Each structure stands twice: as structure tokens, then as C-alpha cells.
Amino acid sequence: MYRRIPFQLWLTILILSLGGCSFGNTPSAPVTLNSKYHDEQPALSGDGRWLAFISNRHGTSEVLFYDLTQKRFVSLPNLNQKGAIHESPSLSRTGRYIVYLSSPQGKPDIILYDRATKRSDILTQGYRHWVRNPQISPDGRYVVFESARRGQWDIEVMDRGVAIELDIPDGEVITP
């Protein structure tokens, strides 16, 4: 014998079974790696644990960071700038450093994010030329990118210097 369930009770059961409800244009937080949104430009850390990619899951272009071992997204404060277009992420060996392009006002800049300090720094601040396709070395010291400084696309290498903390696996000894 079936009973008629009141509409309000049915709606409550439906919402609870779906895990909540989102009203408005804001999609829910990402819970799986693949989604119905545009996920593109993947970058894998040298140790194979971390994945960074560009997504529009939250209604705007952003860099997302995913732990392949734990199968979960990792929130990184100060990684994405609001209202900016992000692209071309690259990861150092253990994913400590992330470089990517950010275009808050049309002209792209290369941003370096340090997961240890949770800081973003503009590497091309004051650089008057167009840049694209940044890549960071496994140890995090060098960033290579394409530059239109001479009116054509050339490759430039930026040395972040000897004073930076290198991205090396725990226990590895570096000899000069």
C-alpha cells in the first residue's frame, strides 16, 4: 500500500538526498576532478601528486589545485585574483610553487604563488611587453616564458636568485 507524501516533505527529502541546493548562478564547490564545466590546461607536479588546471566552475576563470593522492581539491588562499582571466599554470617538483598568467586588466602578467607562504607575487611587474606560456623549473628557481619584447615571440629565462627556498623533496641534499 502506498501513501501520498505531502509536497513539503517530498521536497525536503529530495533536497537532503541531493546534498543541498544551490540557488542563483554560483555553482557548488567542486567535488570531483571531471565536471560539466570547462577544465583545461592541466599541469602536473614533478612528483606526480599535484594537478593544477584552469576551470570556470565558479563562474570565472581560475586556477584549481587538486591532490591526486587524496583525490580532493585543496583551497589556496590568495591564488586567484577576482575579475582576472587566468591561464597556463605550471608547477614545481612538489607543487610548492605555481606560476601562471593572470590578466586582470587585459595585459597578462606572470604570477608566482608560494604554497608555503600563501603569497602571490607578480614576477613581471613593470614589464611592458606581452608574455605567455610561463613554465617553472622543478626546483622553483627559474621561470621561462615567451616574450614579445623584440616585436616577435622570443624565449626568456628569469632567474629568481640564489636566495630563494628551493622546492626539493624532504631529506634531499643539494650540493653547489
C-alpha atoms as a PDB file:
ATOM      1  CA  MET A   1       0.000   0.000   0.000  1.00  0.00           C
ATOM      2  CA  TYR A   2       1.392   3.423  -0.966  1.00  0.00           C
ATOM      3  CA  ARG A   3       0.721   6.616   0.932  1.00  0.00           C
ATOM      4  CA  ARG A   4       0.713  10.069  -0.505  1.00  0.00           C
ATOM      5  CA  ILE A   5       3.661  12.121   0.800  1.00  0.00           C
ATOM      6  CA  PRO A   6       2.935  15.813   1.394  1.00  0.00           C
ATOM      7  CA  PHE A   7       4.768  18.036  -1.123  1.00  0.00           C
ATOM      8  CA  GLN A   8       6.849  19.865   1.520  1.00  0.00           C
ATOM      9  CA  LEU A   9       8.087  16.575   2.984  1.00  0.00           C
ATOM     10  CA  TRP A  10       8.851  15.255  -0.504  1.00  0.00           C
ATOM     11  CA  LEU A  11      10.802  18.443  -1.349  1.00  0.00           C
ATOM     12  CA  THR A  12      12.773  18.198   1.923  1.00  0.00           C
ATOM     13  CA  ILE A  13      13.671  14.562   1.209  1.00  0.00           C
ATOM     14  CA  LEU A  14      14.724  15.469  -2.338  1.00  0.00           C
ATOM     15  CA  ILE A  15      16.973  18.329  -1.163  1.00  0.00           C
ATOM     16  CA  LEU A  16      18.609  16.166   1.510  1.00  0.00           C
ATOM     17  CA  SER A  17      19.196  13.321  -0.943  1.00  0.00           C
ATOM     18  CA  LEU A  18      20.854  15.703  -3.396  1.00  0.00           C
ATOM     19  CA  GLY A  19      23.144  17.058  -0.712  1.00  0.00           C
ATOM     20  CA  GLY A  20      21.682  20.536  -0.593  1.00  0.00           C
ATOM     21  CA  CYS A  21      20.524  23.018  -3.122  1.00  0.00           C
ATOM     22  CA  SER A  22      22.153  25.984  -4.749  1.00  0.00           C
ATOM     23  CA  PHE A  23      20.097  28.927  -5.900  1.00  0.00           C
ATOM     24  CA  GLY A  24      21.466  31.642  -8.157  1.00  0.00           C
ATOM     25  CA  ASN A  25      24.349  31.490 -10.605  1.00  0.00           C
ATOM     26  CA  THR A  26      27.021  30.200  -8.236  1.00  0.00           C
ATOM     27  CA  PRO A  27      27.815  26.526  -8.825  1.00  0.00           C
ATOM     28  CA  SER A  28      28.503  24.349  -5.819  1.00  0.00           C
ATOM     29  CA  ALA A  29      32.067  23.692  -4.696  1.00  0.00           C
ATOM     30  CA  PRO A  30      33.991  21.259  -6.900  1.00  0.00           C
ATOM     31  CA  VAL A  31      33.893  17.734  -5.585  1.00  0.00           C
ATOM     32  CA  THR A  32      35.289  15.664  -8.453  1.00  0.00           C
ATOM     33  CA  LEU A  33      38.111  16.135 -10.898  1.00  0.00           C
ATOM     34  CA  ASN A  34      35.984  15.993 -14.049  1.00  0.00           C
ATOM     35  CA  SER A  35      32.921  18.189 -14.276  1.00  0.00           C
ATOM     36  CA  LYS A  36      30.429  19.700 -16.693  1.00  0.00           C
ATOM     37  CA  TYR A  37      32.487  22.912 -16.678  1.00  0.00           C
ATOM     38  CA  HIS A  38      35.438  23.838 -18.857  1.00  0.00           C
ATOM     39  CA  ASP A  39      38.520  22.303 -17.245  1.00  0.00           C
ATOM     40  CA  GLU A  40      41.648  22.852 -19.328  1.00  0.00           C
ATOM     41  CA  GLN A  41      45.409  23.456 -19.428  1.00  0.00           C
ATOM     42  CA  PRO A  42      46.424  20.793 -16.878  1.00  0.00           C
ATOM     43  CA  ALA A  43      49.857  20.921 -15.240  1.00  0.00           C
ATOM     44  CA  LEU A  44      51.312  18.076 -13.189  1.00  0.00           C
ATOM     45  CA  SER A  45      53.913  18.445 -10.443  1.00  0.00           C
ATOM     46  CA  GLY A  46      57.206  16.596 -10.907  1.00  0.00           C
ATOM     47  CA  ASP A  47      56.392  14.143  -8.126  1.00  0.00           C
ATOM     48  CA  GLY A  48      53.050  13.314  -9.765  1.00  0.00           C
ATOM     49  CA  ARG A  49      50.943  14.180  -6.721  1.00  0.00           C
ATOM     50  CA  TRP A  50      49.542  17.599  -7.608  1.00  0.00           C
ATOM     51  CA  LEU A  51      47.483  18.837 -10.522  1.00  0.00           C
ATOM     52  CA  ALA A  52      46.736  22.465 -11.366  1.00  0.00           C
ATOM     53  CA  PHE A  53      44.366  23.461 -14.127  1.00  0.00           C
ATOM     54  CA  ILE A  54      42.147  26.272 -15.324  1.00  0.00           C
ATOM     55  CA  SER A  55      38.403  25.983 -14.713  1.00  0.00           C
ATOM     56  CA  ASN A  56      35.268  28.099 -14.838  1.00  0.00           C
ATOM     57  CA  ARG A  57      33.451  26.090 -12.136  1.00  0.00           C
ATOM     58  CA  HIS A  58      32.729  29.182 -10.064  1.00  0.00           C
ATOM     59  CA  GLY A  59      31.617  31.378 -12.937  1.00  0.00           C
ATOM     60  CA  THR A  60      35.023  32.865 -13.707  1.00  0.00           C
ATOM     61  CA  SER A  61      38.432  31.708 -14.910  1.00  0.00           C
ATOM     62  CA  GLU A  62      40.507  30.385 -12.005  1.00  0.00           C
ATOM     63  CA  VAL A  63      43.395  28.080 -11.162  1.00  0.00           C
ATOM     64  CA  LEU A  64      42.256  24.999  -9.260  1.00  0.00           C
ATOM     65  CA  PHE A  65      44.626  22.757  -7.309  1.00  0.00           C
ATOM     66  CA  TYR A  66      43.945  19.043  -6.879  1.00  0.00           C
ATOM     67  CA  ASP A  67      45.656  16.386  -4.739  1.00  0.00           C
ATOM     68  CA  LEU A  68      45.748  13.203  -6.845  1.00  0.00           C
ATOM     69  CA  THR A  69      46.749  11.059  -3.844  1.00  0.00           C
ATOM     70  CA  GLN A  70      43.903  12.192  -1.562  1.00  0.00           C
ATOM     71  CA  LYS A  71      41.513  12.744  -4.516  1.00  0.00           C
ATOM     72  CA  ARG A  72      40.395  16.150  -3.283  1.00  0.00           C
ATOM     73  CA  PHE A  73      40.666  19.819  -4.125  1.00  0.00           C
ATOM     74  CA  VAL A  74      42.946  21.983  -1.999  1.00  0.00           C
ATOM     75  CA  SER A  75      41.939  25.548  -1.241  1.00  0.00           C
ATOM     76  CA  LEU A  76      44.798  28.005  -1.768  1.00  0.00           C
ATOM     77  CA  PRO A  77      44.114  31.477  -0.337  1.00  0.00           C
ATOM     78  CA  ASN A  78      45.411  34.419  -2.426  1.00  0.00           C
ATOM     79  CA  LEU A  79      45.919  32.241  -5.517  1.00  0.00           C
ATOM     80  CA  ASN A  80      43.292  33.719  -7.832  1.00  0.00           C
ATOM     81  CA  GLN A  81      42.599  37.410  -8.414  1.00  0.00           C
ATOM     82  CA  LYS A  82      38.934  38.374  -8.725  1.00  0.00           C
ATOM     83  CA  GLY A  83      37.864  39.515 -12.148  1.00  0.00           C
ATOM     84  CA  ALA A  84      41.051  38.301 -13.841  1.00  0.00           C
ATOM     85  CA  ILE A  85      41.494  35.764 -16.612  1.00  0.00           C
ATOM     86  CA  HIS A  86      43.906  33.017 -15.560  1.00  0.00           C
ATOM     87  CA  GLU A  87      45.774  30.616 -17.825  1.00  0.00           C
ATOM     88  CA  SER A  88      48.867  28.465 -18.371  1.00  0.00           C
ATOM     89  CA  PRO A  89      49.626  27.064 -14.894  1.00  0.00           C
ATOM     90  CA  SER A  90      52.944  25.327 -14.238  1.00  0.00           C
ATOM     91  CA  LEU A  91      54.097  23.504 -11.079  1.00  0.00           C
ATOM     92  CA  SER A  92      57.460  22.951  -9.446  1.00  0.00           C
ATOM     93  CA  ARG A  93      58.590  19.465  -8.328  1.00  0.00           C
ATOM     94  CA  THR A  94      56.380  19.096  -5.235  1.00  0.00           C
ATOM     95  CA  GLY A  95      53.839  21.735  -6.229  1.00  0.00           C
ATOM     96  CA  ARG A  96      55.163  24.276  -3.756  1.00  0.00           C
ATOM     97  CA  TYR A  97      55.445  26.912  -6.489  1.00  0.00           C
ATOM     98  CA  ILE A  98      52.783  27.628  -9.082  1.00  0.00           C
ATOM     99  CA  VAL A  99      53.322  30.074 -11.934  1.00  0.00           C
ATOM    100  CA  TYR A 100      50.526  31.159 -14.223  1.00  0.00           C
ATOM    101  CA  LEU A 101      49.294  34.071 -16.295  1.00  0.00           C
ATOM    102  CA  SER A 102      46.767  36.478 -14.839  1.00  0.00           C
ATOM    103  CA  SER A 103      45.138  39.258 -16.838  1.00  0.00           C
ATOM    104  CA  PRO A 104      43.115  41.496 -14.512  1.00  0.00           C
ATOM    105  CA  GLN A 105      43.034  44.426 -16.956  1.00  0.00           C
ATOM    106  CA  GLY A 106      43.735  42.776 -20.294  1.00  0.00           C
ATOM    107  CA  LYS A 107      47.555  42.626 -20.248  1.00  0.00           C
ATOM    108  CA  PRO A 108      48.860  39.333 -18.866  1.00  0.00           C
ATOM    109  CA  ASP A 109      51.372  39.186 -16.031  1.00  0.00           C
ATOM    110  CA  ILE A 110      53.237  36.151 -14.719  1.00  0.00           C
ATOM    111  CA  ILE A 111      52.221  35.369 -11.155  1.00  0.00           C
ATOM    112  CA  LEU A 112      54.179  33.128  -8.783  1.00  0.00           C
ATOM    113  CA  TYR A 113      52.261  31.556  -5.913  1.00  0.00           C
ATOM    114  CA  ASP A 114      54.133  30.003  -2.985  1.00  0.00           C
ATOM    115  CA  ARG A 115      52.037  27.385  -1.182  1.00  0.00           C
ATOM    116  CA  ALA A 116      54.280  27.563   1.897  1.00  0.00           C
ATOM    117  CA  THR A 117      53.741  31.295   2.459  1.00  0.00           C
ATOM    118  CA  LYS A 118      50.334  31.501   0.708  1.00  0.00           C
ATOM    119  CA  ARG A 119      51.550  34.569  -1.189  1.00  0.00           C
ATOM    120  CA  SER A 120      51.184  35.602  -4.795  1.00  0.00           C
ATOM    121  CA  ASP A 121      53.848  37.793  -6.374  1.00  0.00           C
ATOM    122  CA  ILE A 122      53.809  39.411  -9.802  1.00  0.00           C
ATOM    123  CA  LEU A 123      57.060  38.398 -11.496  1.00  0.00           C
ATOM    124  CA  THR A 124      56.584  40.711 -14.491  1.00  0.00           C
ATOM    125  CA  GLN A 125      55.608  43.841 -12.542  1.00  0.00           C
ATOM    126  CA  GLY A 126      56.644  46.835 -14.635  1.00  0.00           C
ATOM    127  CA  TYR A 127      57.431  44.611 -17.615  1.00  0.00           C
ATOM    128  CA  ARG A 128      55.965  46.497 -20.571  1.00  0.00           C
ATOM    129  CA  HIS A 129      55.856  43.655 -23.081  1.00  0.00           C
ATOM    130  CA  TRP A 130      53.389  40.832 -23.690  1.00  0.00           C
ATOM    131  CA  VAL A 131      54.197  37.473 -22.120  1.00  0.00           C
ATOM    132  CA  ARG A 132      52.759  33.976 -22.481  1.00  0.00           C
ATOM    133  CA  ASN A 133      53.312  30.294 -21.609  1.00  0.00           C
ATOM    134  CA  PRO A 134      55.265  30.508 -18.331  1.00  0.00           C
ATOM    135  CA  GLN A 135      56.945  27.341 -17.019  1.00  0.00           C
ATOM    136  CA  ILE A 136      58.751  26.908 -13.707  1.00  0.00           C
ATOM    137  CA  SER A 137      61.787  24.678 -13.194  1.00  0.00           C
ATOM    138  CA  PRO A 138      61.383  21.652 -10.915  1.00  0.00           C
ATOM    139  CA  ASP A 139      63.342  23.337  -8.097  1.00  0.00           C
ATOM    140  CA  GLY A 140      61.414  26.619  -8.492  1.00  0.00           C
ATOM    141  CA  ARG A 141      64.435  28.808  -9.200  1.00  0.00           C
ATOM    142  CA  TYR A 142      63.892  29.505 -12.913  1.00  0.00           C
ATOM    143  CA  VAL A 143      60.849  30.647 -14.832  1.00  0.00           C
ATOM    144  CA  VAL A 144      60.876  30.515 -18.630  1.00  0.00           C
ATOM    145  CA  PHE A 145      58.299  32.261 -20.787  1.00  0.00           C
ATOM    146  CA  GLU A 146      57.675  33.731 -24.188  1.00  0.00           C
ATOM    147  CA  SER A 147      58.057  37.485 -24.567  1.00  0.00           C
ATOM    148  CA  ALA A 148      57.224  39.926 -27.358  1.00  0.00           C
ATOM    149  CA  ARG A 149      59.937  42.340 -26.238  1.00  0.00           C
ATOM    150  CA  ARG A 150      61.641  42.428 -29.658  1.00  0.00           C
ATOM    151  CA  GLY A 151      58.443  42.505 -31.703  1.00  0.00           C
ATOM    152  CA  GLN A 152      58.383  38.725 -32.108  1.00  0.00           C
ATOM    153  CA  TRP A 153      57.935  35.849 -29.697  1.00  0.00           C
ATOM    154  CA  ASP A 154      61.257  35.031 -28.009  1.00  0.00           C
ATOM    155  CA  ILE A 155      62.102  32.828 -25.048  1.00  0.00           C
ATOM    156  CA  GLU A 156      63.299  34.464 -21.835  1.00  0.00           C
ATOM    157  CA  VAL A 157      64.668  32.858 -18.694  1.00  0.00           C
ATOM    158  CA  MET A 158      64.112  34.524 -15.334  1.00  0.00           C
ATOM    159  CA  ASP A 159      66.489  33.516 -12.517  1.00  0.00           C
ATOM    160  CA  ARG A 160      64.712  34.075  -9.194  1.00  0.00           C
ATOM    161  CA  GLY A 161      68.121  34.072  -7.493  1.00  0.00           C
ATOM    162  CA  VAL A 162      70.174  32.015  -5.084  1.00  0.00           C
ATOM    163  CA  ALA A 163      68.336  33.327  -2.020  1.00  0.00           C
ATOM    164  CA  ILE A 164      65.014  31.611  -2.755  1.00  0.00           C
ATOM    165  CA  GLU A 165      63.997  28.447  -0.952  1.00  0.00           C
ATOM    166  CA  LEU A 166      64.223  25.651  -3.500  1.00  0.00           C
ATOM    167  CA  ASP A 167      61.459  23.111  -3.991  1.00  0.00           C
ATOM    168  CA  ILE A 168      63.301  19.905  -3.159  1.00  0.00           C
ATOM    169  CA  PRO A 169      61.964  16.661  -1.677  1.00  0.00           C
ATOM    170  CA  ASP A 170      62.381  16.261   2.085  1.00  0.00           C
ATOM    171  CA  GLY A 171      65.785  14.864   3.005  1.00  0.00           C
ATOM    172  CA  GLU A 172      67.451  15.587  -0.354  1.00  0.00           C
ATOM    173  CA  VAL A 173      70.812  17.309  -0.013  1.00  0.00           C
ATOM    174  CA  ILE A 174      71.770  19.967  -2.530  1.00  0.00           C
ATOM    175  CA  THR A 175      75.449  20.401  -3.275  1.00  0.00           C
ATOM    176  CA  PRO A 176      76.623  23.568  -5.010  1.00  0.00           C
END
